[in-house]
Amino acid sequence: MDNFLFIAFPYLALIVAIGGSIYRYRATGFSYSSLSSQFLETKSLFFGSVPFHFGIIFLFLAHLIGFLFPGLVQKIIGANWYAFETLGLAFGLSALVGIVLLFVRRITNERLAVVTSKMDIFIELVLIAQIIAGILIAVQYKWGAGWYASNMAPYLWSIVTFSPDLSGVLALPALIQFHIVAAFLVFLLIPFSRFVHFLVAPFHYISRPFQVVIWTWDRKAIRDTNTPMTPFKPKNN
């Protein structure tokens, strides 16, 4: 079972995540988005989406940096481990509050129920369980950044280099092992859920030139219900 959970399942999850995402992009590219429901409901979406995304992005980057540069992370944190632990816990709570609000919104709003699939419900439940596990780990097992760099990073690198080494993982508590398996489950579900949208995040908007929009129509006339749709007489070439 250990070999399946920490060797076979991670490889299966990564293969499905990469291969499935590529196939979905090529076969149904227009579905490669979050399939936003903002037009159906906006207010509660804002209060759920903002804390969730701020929290989950910080946590993802923290885990990624700890994986890529474990030695550097240990040196940087040093005696300041308590501040980093507190910061991580705060962002974890932010992500949890956000995802719970989004989940409640999805199951209680009648308009959203029409566009909600079983996968939407399942992926949100998995994320809730994953975030709760992470918060419990932060509370119960101190020095998370330290043992992540010394136990988790070598295990993850062993998976990447196709030389699986479970010695560090098997020494961890069951809660942390659950957190690891649930993380790979999230990767496995990426091609089948709305979660795929983070692969095509519009980061190019940050550096692109501003789009200048000039309104040349009479706003009062356009917004008057008695005004025809087109205030100008069409001209044919």
C-alpha atoms as a PDB file:
ATOM      1  CA  MET A   1       0.000   0.000   0.000  1.00  0.00           C
ATOM      2  CA  ASP A   2       2.868   2.405   0.766  1.00  0.00           C
ATOM      3  CA  ASN A   3       4.359   1.723  -2.663  1.00  0.00           C
ATOM      4  CA  PHE A   4       1.008   2.409  -4.310  1.00  0.00           C
ATOM      5  CA  LEU A   5       0.214   5.609  -2.380  1.00  0.00           C
ATOM      6  CA  PHE A   6       3.657   7.211  -2.553  1.00  0.00           C
ATOM      7  CA  ILE A   7       5.127   5.801  -5.780  1.00  0.00           C
ATOM      8  CA  ALA A   8       2.516   4.466  -8.206  1.00  0.00           C
ATOM      9  CA  PHE A   9      -0.218   6.995  -7.399  1.00  0.00           C
ATOM     10  CA  PRO A  10       2.029  10.088  -7.730  1.00  0.00           C
ATOM     11  CA  TYR A  11       3.245   8.921 -11.153  1.00  0.00           C
ATOM     12  CA  LEU A  12      -0.326   8.117 -12.205  1.00  0.00           C
ATOM     13  CA  ALA A  13      -1.516  11.544 -11.038  1.00  0.00           C
ATOM     14  CA  LEU A  14       1.258  13.400 -12.855  1.00  0.00           C
ATOM     15  CA  ILE A  15       0.812  11.441 -16.089  1.00  0.00           C
ATOM     16  CA  VAL A  16      -2.946  12.042 -16.091  1.00  0.00           C
ATOM     17  CA  ALA A  17      -2.509  15.709 -15.148  1.00  0.00           C
ATOM     18  CA  ILE A  18      -0.028  16.429 -17.934  1.00  0.00           C
ATOM     19  CA  GLY A  19      -1.463  14.157 -20.619  1.00  0.00           C
ATOM     20  CA  GLY A  20      -5.091  14.931 -19.796  1.00  0.00           C
ATOM     21  CA  SER A  21      -4.498  18.684 -19.740  1.00  0.00           C
ATOM     22  CA  ILE A  22      -2.801  18.593 -23.140  1.00  0.00           C
ATOM     23  CA  TYR A  23      -5.569  16.449 -24.615  1.00  0.00           C
ATOM     24  CA  ARG A  24      -8.314  18.676 -23.218  1.00  0.00           C
ATOM     25  CA  TYR A  25      -6.605  21.793 -24.542  1.00  0.00           C
ATOM     26  CA  ARG A  26      -6.318  20.301 -28.021  1.00  0.00           C
ATOM     27  CA  ALA A  27      -9.772  18.675 -28.090  1.00  0.00           C
ATOM     28  CA  THR A  28     -11.943  21.201 -26.222  1.00  0.00           C
ATOM     29  CA  GLY A  29      -9.896  24.368 -25.930  1.00  0.00           C
ATOM     30  CA  PHE A  30     -12.896  26.563 -25.187  1.00  0.00           C
ATOM     31  CA  SER A  31     -13.507  24.641 -21.944  1.00  0.00           C
ATOM     32  CA  TYR A  32      -9.979  25.456 -20.767  1.00  0.00           C
ATOM     33  CA  SER A  33     -11.171  28.066 -18.285  1.00  0.00           C
ATOM     34  CA  SER A  34     -12.754  28.458 -14.866  1.00  0.00           C
ATOM     35  CA  LEU A  35     -16.195  28.564 -16.579  1.00  0.00           C
ATOM     36  CA  SER A  36     -16.952  31.646 -14.515  1.00  0.00           C
ATOM     37  CA  SER A  37     -20.359  32.005 -12.866  1.00  0.00           C
ATOM     38  CA  GLN A  38     -19.885  35.699 -12.131  1.00  0.00           C
ATOM     39  CA  PHE A  39     -22.714  36.697 -14.462  1.00  0.00           C
ATOM     40  CA  LEU A  40     -25.088  34.539 -12.414  1.00  0.00           C
ATOM     41  CA  GLU A  41     -23.988  35.818  -8.992  1.00  0.00           C
ATOM     42  CA  THR A  42     -21.321  38.350  -8.044  1.00  0.00           C
ATOM     43  CA  LYS A  43     -21.455  39.471  -4.422  1.00  0.00           C
ATOM     44  CA  SER A  44     -20.727  36.232  -2.559  1.00  0.00           C
ATOM     45  CA  LEU A  45     -18.323  35.200  -5.344  1.00  0.00           C
ATOM     46  CA  PHE A  46     -16.118  38.178  -4.491  1.00  0.00           C
ATOM     47  CA  PHE A  47     -16.008  37.439  -0.756  1.00  0.00           C
ATOM     48  CA  GLY A  48     -15.136  33.805  -1.436  1.00  0.00           C
ATOM     49  CA  SER A  49     -12.859  34.078  -4.454  1.00  0.00           C
ATOM     50  CA  VAL A  50     -10.535  36.815  -3.188  1.00  0.00           C
ATOM     51  CA  PRO A  51      -9.451  35.215   0.132  1.00  0.00           C
ATOM     52  CA  PHE A  52      -9.276  31.772  -1.478  1.00  0.00           C
ATOM     53  CA  HIS A  53      -7.017  32.845  -4.339  1.00  0.00           C
ATOM     54  CA  PHE A  54      -4.756  34.966  -2.151  1.00  0.00           C
ATOM     55  CA  GLY A  55      -4.368  32.091   0.284  1.00  0.00           C
ATOM     56  CA  ILE A  56      -3.955  29.252  -2.196  1.00  0.00           C
ATOM     57  CA  ILE A  57      -1.475  31.136  -4.412  1.00  0.00           C
ATOM     58  CA  PHE A  58       0.770  31.961  -1.434  1.00  0.00           C
ATOM     59  CA  LEU A  59       0.633  28.374  -0.163  1.00  0.00           C
ATOM     60  CA  PHE A  60       1.378  26.952  -3.591  1.00  0.00           C
ATOM     61  CA  LEU A  61       4.379  29.246  -4.068  1.00  0.00           C
ATOM     62  CA  ALA A  62       5.661  28.485  -0.560  1.00  0.00           C
ATOM     63  CA  HIS A  63       5.502  24.734  -1.229  1.00  0.00           C
ATOM     64  CA  LEU A  64       7.074  25.179  -4.669  1.00  0.00           C
ATOM     65  CA  ILE A  65       9.983  27.273  -3.363  1.00  0.00           C
ATOM     66  CA  GLY A  66      10.545  24.812  -0.526  1.00  0.00           C
ATOM     67  CA  PHE A  67      10.711  22.020  -3.102  1.00  0.00           C
ATOM     68  CA  LEU A  68      13.053  23.808  -5.504  1.00  0.00           C
ATOM     69  CA  PHE A  69      15.378  25.399  -2.943  1.00  0.00           C
ATOM     70  CA  PRO A  70      15.151  23.421   0.336  1.00  0.00           C
ATOM     71  CA  GLY A  71      18.605  24.381   1.586  1.00  0.00           C
ATOM     72  CA  LEU A  72      18.104  28.068   0.848  1.00  0.00           C
ATOM     73  CA  VAL A  73      14.720  28.046   2.588  1.00  0.00           C
ATOM     74  CA  GLN A  74      16.219  26.580   5.765  1.00  0.00           C
ATOM     75  CA  LYS A  75      18.916  29.266   5.796  1.00  0.00           C
ATOM     76  CA  ILE A  76      16.470  32.105   5.191  1.00  0.00           C
ATOM     77  CA  ILE A  77      13.952  30.986   7.804  1.00  0.00           C
ATOM     78  CA  GLY A  78      16.490  30.153  10.518  1.00  0.00           C
ATOM     79  CA  ALA A  79      15.417  31.641  13.819  1.00  0.00           C
ATOM     80  CA  ASN A  80      12.443  33.361  12.169  1.00  0.00           C
ATOM     81  CA  TRP A  81      10.566  30.091  11.736  1.00  0.00           C
ATOM     82  CA  TYR A  82       7.717  31.254  14.017  1.00  0.00           C
ATOM     83  CA  ALA A  83       6.929  34.257  11.817  1.00  0.00           C
ATOM     84  CA  PHE A  84       6.872  32.116   8.675  1.00  0.00           C
ATOM     85  CA  GLU A  85       4.721  29.471  10.367  1.00  0.00           C
ATOM     86  CA  THR A  86       2.247  32.136  11.491  1.00  0.00           C
ATOM     87  CA  LEU A  87       2.158  33.680   8.027  1.00  0.00           C
ATOM     88  CA  GLY A  88       1.522  30.325   6.413  1.00  0.00           C
ATOM     89  CA  LEU A  89      -1.253  29.550   8.891  1.00  0.00           C
ATOM     90  CA  ALA A  90      -2.891  32.913   8.173  1.00  0.00           C
ATOM     91  CA  PHE A  91      -2.932  32.268   4.438  1.00  0.00           C
ATOM     92  CA  GLY A  92      -4.215  28.743   5.082  1.00  0.00           C
ATOM     93  CA  LEU A  93      -7.137  30.131   7.064  1.00  0.00           C
ATOM     94  CA  SER A  94      -7.763  32.669   4.297  1.00  0.00           C
ATOM     95  CA  ALA A  95      -7.903  29.889   1.704  1.00  0.00           C
ATOM     96  CA  LEU A  96     -10.213  27.823   3.915  1.00  0.00           C
ATOM     97  CA  VAL A  97     -12.663  30.674   4.510  1.00  0.00           C
ATOM     98  CA  GLY A  98     -12.710  31.435   0.792  1.00  0.00           C
ATOM     99  CA  ILE A  99     -13.285  27.866  -0.406  1.00  0.00           C
ATOM    100  CA  VAL A 100     -16.008  27.260   2.203  1.00  0.00           C
ATOM    101  CA  LEU A 101     -17.827  30.414   1.086  1.00  0.00           C
ATOM    102  CA  LEU A 102     -17.518  29.343  -2.547  1.00  0.00           C
ATOM    103  CA  PHE A 103     -18.804  25.859  -1.709  1.00  0.00           C
ATOM    104  CA  VAL A 104     -21.799  27.193   0.226  1.00  0.00           C
ATOM    105  CA  ARG A 105     -22.522  29.612  -2.614  1.00  0.00           C
ATOM    106  CA  ARG A 106     -22.489  26.819  -5.160  1.00  0.00           C
ATOM    107  CA  ILE A 107     -24.818  24.465  -3.277  1.00  0.00           C
ATOM    108  CA  THR A 108     -27.310  27.091  -2.053  1.00  0.00           C
ATOM    109  CA  ASN A 109     -27.735  29.325  -5.099  1.00  0.00           C
ATOM    110  CA  GLU A 110     -30.436  27.996  -7.410  1.00  0.00           C
ATOM    111  CA  ARG A 111     -29.030  29.752 -10.462  1.00  0.00           C
ATOM    112  CA  LEU A 112     -25.622  28.155  -9.930  1.00  0.00           C
ATOM    113  CA  ALA A 113     -27.130  24.723  -9.416  1.00  0.00           C
ATOM    114  CA  VAL A 114     -28.009  24.608 -13.113  1.00  0.00           C
ATOM    115  CA  VAL A 115     -24.346  24.967 -14.158  1.00  0.00           C
ATOM    116  CA  THR A 116     -22.852  22.907 -11.319  1.00  0.00           C
ATOM    117  CA  SER A 117     -21.530  19.410 -12.035  1.00  0.00           C
ATOM    118  CA  LYS A 118     -20.685  16.567  -9.679  1.00  0.00           C
ATOM    119  CA  MET A 119     -17.002  17.241 -10.366  1.00  0.00           C
ATOM    120  CA  ASP A 120     -17.418  20.843  -9.185  1.00  0.00           C
ATOM    121  CA  ILE A 121     -18.729  19.594  -5.847  1.00  0.00           C
ATOM    122  CA  PHE A 122     -16.115  16.858  -5.563  1.00  0.00           C
ATOM    123  CA  ILE A 123     -13.091  19.044  -6.326  1.00  0.00           C
ATOM    124  CA  GLU A 124     -14.213  21.671  -3.818  1.00  0.00           C
ATOM    125  CA  LEU A 125     -14.675  19.013  -1.124  1.00  0.00           C
ATOM    126  CA  VAL A 126     -11.191  17.663  -1.864  1.00  0.00           C
ATOM    127  CA  LEU A 127      -9.726  21.173  -1.608  1.00  0.00           C
ATOM    128  CA  ILE A 128     -11.541  21.791   1.681  1.00  0.00           C
ATOM    129  CA  ALA A 129     -10.203  18.536   3.131  1.00  0.00           C
ATOM    130  CA  GLN A 130      -6.708  19.320   1.839  1.00  0.00           C
ATOM    131  CA  ILE A 131      -6.639  22.826   3.308  1.00  0.00           C
ATOM    132  CA  ILE A 132      -8.020  21.643   6.667  1.00  0.00           C
ATOM    133  CA  ALA A 133      -5.314  18.973   6.788  1.00  0.00           C
ATOM    134  CA  GLY A 134      -2.676  21.612   6.060  1.00  0.00           C
ATOM    135  CA  ILE A 135      -3.973  23.856   8.838  1.00  0.00           C
ATOM    136  CA  LEU A 136      -4.004  20.977  11.318  1.00  0.00           C
ATOM    137  CA  ILE A 137      -0.442  20.126  10.335  1.00  0.00           C
ATOM    138  CA  ALA A 138       0.628  23.734  10.905  1.00  0.00           C
ATOM    139  CA  VAL A 139      -0.971  23.692  14.369  1.00  0.00           C
ATOM    140  CA  GLN A 140       0.087  20.220  15.536  1.00  0.00           C
ATOM    141  CA  TYR A 141       3.515  19.806  13.932  1.00  0.00           C
ATOM    142  CA  LYS A 142       5.819  22.768  14.332  1.00  0.00           C
ATOM    143  CA  TRP A 143       8.844  23.619  12.206  1.00  0.00           C
ATOM    144  CA  GLY A 144       6.906  22.717   9.087  1.00  0.00           C
ATOM    145  CA  ALA A 145       9.313  24.521   6.775  1.00  0.00           C
ATOM    146  CA  GLY A 146      12.190  22.624   8.357  1.00  0.00           C
ATOM    147  CA  TRP A 147      10.885  19.089   8.032  1.00  0.00           C
ATOM    148  CA  TYR A 148       9.388  19.919   4.625  1.00  0.00           C
ATOM    149  CA  ALA A 149      12.874  20.743   3.383  1.00  0.00           C
ATOM    150  CA  SER A 150      14.492  17.728   5.068  1.00  0.00           C
ATOM    151  CA  ASN A 151      11.815  15.060   4.456  1.00  0.00           C
ATOM    152  CA  MET A 152       9.393  16.135   1.755  1.00  0.00           C
ATOM    153  CA  ALA A 153      11.761  17.824  -0.699  1.00  0.00           C
ATOM    154  CA  PRO A 154      14.080  14.777  -0.993  1.00  0.00           C
ATOM    155  CA  TYR A 155      11.054  12.529  -1.504  1.00  0.00           C
ATOM    156  CA  LEU A 156       9.605  14.772  -4.220  1.00  0.00           C
ATOM    157  CA  TRP A 157      12.977  15.031  -5.946  1.00  0.00           C
ATOM    158  CA  SER A 158      13.259  11.243  -5.831  1.00  0.00           C
ATOM    159  CA  ILE A 159       9.923  11.042  -7.658  1.00  0.00           C
ATOM    160  CA  VAL A 160      11.070  13.578 -10.268  1.00  0.00           C
ATOM    161  CA  THR A 161      14.362  11.763 -10.855  1.00  0.00           C
ATOM    162  CA  PHE A 162      12.622   8.358 -11.114  1.00  0.00           C
ATOM    163  CA  SER A 163      14.411   6.965  -8.073  1.00  0.00           C
ATOM    164  CA  PRO A 164      11.636   6.845  -5.433  1.00  0.00           C
ATOM    165  CA  ASP A 165      12.854   6.993  -1.843  1.00  0.00           C
ATOM    166  CA  LEU A 166      10.148   6.597   0.805  1.00  0.00           C
ATOM    167  CA  SER A 167      12.390   6.709   3.861  1.00  0.00           C
ATOM    168  CA  GLY A 168      11.527  10.318   4.698  1.00  0.00           C
ATOM    169  CA  VAL A 169       7.807  10.053   3.937  1.00  0.00           C
ATOM    170  CA  LEU A 170       7.168   6.863   5.897  1.00  0.00           C
ATOM    171  CA  ALA A 171       8.616   8.513   8.995  1.00  0.00           C
ATOM    172  CA  LEU A 172       5.985  11.273   8.875  1.00  0.00           C
ATOM    173  CA  PRO A 173       2.674  11.176  10.814  1.00  0.00           C
ATOM    174  CA  ALA A 174      -0.460   9.827   9.128  1.00  0.00           C
ATOM    175  CA  LEU A 175      -1.996  13.304   8.815  1.00  0.00           C
ATOM    176  CA  ILE A 176       0.944  14.531   6.764  1.00  0.00           C
ATOM    177  CA  GLN A 177       0.853  11.396   4.633  1.00  0.00           C
ATOM    178  CA  PHE A 178      -2.833  12.062   3.944  1.00  0.00           C
ATOM    179  CA  HIS A 179      -1.916  15.631   2.968  1.00  0.00           C
ATOM    180  CA  ILE A 180       0.613  14.281   0.460  1.00  0.00           C
ATOM    181  CA  VAL A 181      -1.797  11.807  -1.140  1.00  0.00           C
ATOM    182  CA  ALA A 182      -4.566  14.431  -1.309  1.00  0.00           C
ATOM    183  CA  ALA A 183      -2.180  16.816  -3.076  1.00  0.00           C
ATOM    184  CA  PHE A 184      -1.530  14.255  -5.804  1.00  0.00           C
ATOM    185  CA  LEU A 185      -5.290  13.629  -6.005  1.00  0.00           C
ATOM    186  CA  VAL A 186      -5.766  17.327  -6.792  1.00  0.00           C
ATOM    187  CA  PHE A 187      -3.213  16.993  -9.616  1.00  0.00           C
ATOM    188  CA  LEU A 188      -5.076  13.937 -10.901  1.00  0.00           C
ATOM    189  CA  LEU A 189      -8.355  15.886 -11.058  1.00  0.00           C
ATOM    190  CA  ILE A 190      -6.973  18.931 -12.870  1.00  0.00           C
ATOM    191  CA  PRO A 191      -7.895  17.845 -16.445  1.00  0.00           C
ATOM    192  CA  PHE A 192     -11.436  16.912 -15.394  1.00  0.00           C
ATOM    193  CA  SER A 193     -12.355  20.061 -13.450  1.00  0.00           C
ATOM    194  CA  ARG A 194     -12.502  23.846 -13.612  1.00  0.00           C
ATOM    195  CA  PHE A 195      -9.177  23.829 -11.786  1.00  0.00           C
ATOM    196  CA  VAL A 196      -7.478  23.514 -15.178  1.00  0.00           C
ATOM    197  CA  HIS A 197      -7.823  27.270 -15.694  1.00  0.00           C
ATOM    198  CA  PHE A 198      -4.705  28.098 -13.674  1.00  0.00           C
ATOM    199  CA  LEU A 199      -2.625  26.596 -16.512  1.00  0.00           C
ATOM    200  CA  VAL A 200      -3.725  29.424 -18.809  1.00  0.00           C
ATOM    201  CA  ALA A 201      -3.742  32.285 -16.307  1.00  0.00           C
ATOM    202  CA  PRO A 202      -3.518  35.597 -18.233  1.00  0.00           C
ATOM    203  CA  PHE A 203      -0.206  36.757 -16.769  1.00  0.00           C
ATOM    204  CA  HIS A 204       0.550  38.567 -20.023  1.00  0.00           C
ATOM    205  CA  TYR A 205      -2.005  41.197 -18.980  1.00  0.00           C
ATOM    206  CA  ILE A 206       0.560  42.481 -16.468  1.00  0.00           C
ATOM    207  CA  SER A 207       3.032  43.588 -19.135  1.00  0.00           C
ATOM    208  CA  ARG A 208       0.800  44.369 -22.097  1.00  0.00           C
ATOM    209  CA  PRO A 209       0.155  48.045 -23.058  1.00  0.00           C
ATOM    210  CA  PHE A 210      -2.924  49.786 -21.725  1.00  0.00           C
ATOM    211  CA  GLN A 211      -6.001  49.543 -23.903  1.00  0.00           C
ATOM    212  CA  VAL A 212      -7.413  52.994 -24.559  1.00  0.00           C
ATOM    213  CA  VAL A 213     -11.190  53.061 -25.068  1.00  0.00           C
ATOM    214  CA  ILE A 214     -12.754  56.288 -26.387  1.00  0.00           C
ATOM    215  CA  TRP A 215     -16.522  56.730 -26.261  1.00  0.00           C
ATOM    216  CA  THR A 216     -17.669  58.939 -29.156  1.00  0.00           C
ATOM    217  CA  TRP A 217     -21.400  58.337 -28.847  1.00  0.00           C
ATOM    218  CA  ASP A 218     -23.861  60.480 -26.932  1.00  0.00           C
ATOM    219  CA  ARG A 219     -24.157  58.523 -23.673  1.00  0.00           C
ATOM    220  CA  LYS A 220     -27.571  59.942 -22.762  1.00  0.00           C
ATOM    221  CA  ALA A 221     -28.966  59.022 -26.156  1.00  0.00           C
ATOM    222  CA  ILE A 222     -27.497  55.525 -26.112  1.00  0.00           C
ATOM    223  CA  ARG A 223     -28.866  54.799 -22.636  1.00  0.00           C
ATOM    224  CA  ASP A 224     -32.312  56.169 -23.467  1.00  0.00           C
ATOM    225  CA  THR A 225     -34.741  53.274 -23.996  1.00  0.00           C
ATOM    226  CA  ASN A 226     -36.461  55.229 -26.760  1.00  0.00           C
ATOM    227  CA  THR A 227     -33.246  55.454 -28.789  1.00  0.00           C
ATOM    228  CA  PRO A 228     -32.802  52.887 -31.585  1.00  0.00           C
ATOM    229  CA  MET A 229     -30.008  50.352 -31.156  1.00  0.00           C
ATOM    230  CA  THR A 230     -27.868  52.176 -33.764  1.00  0.00           C
ATOM    231  CA  PRO A 231     -28.000  55.970 -33.592  1.00  0.00           C
ATOM    232  CA  PHE A 232     -26.290  56.330 -36.978  1.00  0.00           C
ATOM    233  CA  LYS A 233     -27.713  55.467 -40.356  1.00  0.00           C
ATOM    234  CA  PRO A 234     -25.890  52.388 -41.734  1.00  0.00           C
ATOM    235  CA  LYS A 235     -23.695  52.980 -44.760  1.00  0.00           C
ATOM    236  CA  ASN A 236     -23.168  50.258 -47.356  1.00  0.00           C
ATOM    237  CA  ASN A 237     -19.923  50.057 -49.279  1.00  0.00           C
END
